[in-house]
């Protein structure tokens, strides 16, 4: 580094003690020393790092809470997928692989538009035909769909309304696009209640419940058929009062299949009850929570049923209606 005399500005060499131009004494440059880091400085650095870690954790949690609803619904319907896979592997082993191609074909067919159309025919469901139905229901459906789309921008645009000639107050959905209102709902409740019904069913579409149930229905088809055949065989053995090793084996297989079927039903119906709460929450989020509360109160006011046994509660597809009303009222009126 070049050095210069402070008096005359003349150039100096590194070891000069006097300026060669003016004779001014040159003071030596003190060596630079690194400043020691105080304990307080170390503590401050540690606090800064800790604060950075805390902020990072907070950002991670916030991002996790802002994840799309689809992630939650996928986990919520995981029981249907796991049980379908269990049945698939179980029957594949039980039938020495014969069930594999049957499962693949039936599953593919089940998710086609043709299968859903056939399901509508089997269920006695029809499209809107009467002018009065279209004038009343189409604007109503459009209004609810707008609110539902704000709650879930990915909601399918192909969902359509259908009517079932049933005089009970009810609504249900299945497949990819079928939302059904019973004729009893049209005759016995007002438009606000219908909006609550529609918003709830759109919640099932949003959460993927209708597709999950369809998947479970395909897998249960094999179990129900085998149990039916085994039941007929066991009843015949009982009628004929037959015994022996073969009879004992058939009865053992029958009890095994019945136990598996019961366990599967309990697991799936527990998921179904949870999905009802989620669909209620979706209606609330869509802006129709009060309308849904009104229709549930209407249903409760006309329902007459005895208390359910523990077994019936485990196999029930819906939670107790008073629990649903309580949850909605707390959210709507608080």
Foldseek 3Di string as FASTA:
>chain_A
DWDADPPPRHTDDQPDQADPPPRHGDDHDDDDDDDDDDPVNVVVVVVVVVVVVVVVVVVVVVVVVPDDCQVVLCVLLVLLVVVLVVLQVVVCVVVVNPCNVVLVVLLVVLQDPVNVVVVCVVQQKAADDDPVCCVQVVVLLVLLVVLLCVVPVPQDPQAGEIEHADLAAAWEAAHQHYTYGYVNVVVPDDSLLVSLRSLLRSLCNRSVVRVSVSSNVSSVVVLVVVLVVLVVVLVVCVVVVDDDDVNVVSVVVNVVSVVSVLVSLLSVLVSLQVSSLSSLVSCVSSPSLVSNLVNLVVNVVPDDDDDDDPSCCSNHNHHDSVVSSVVSCVVPPD
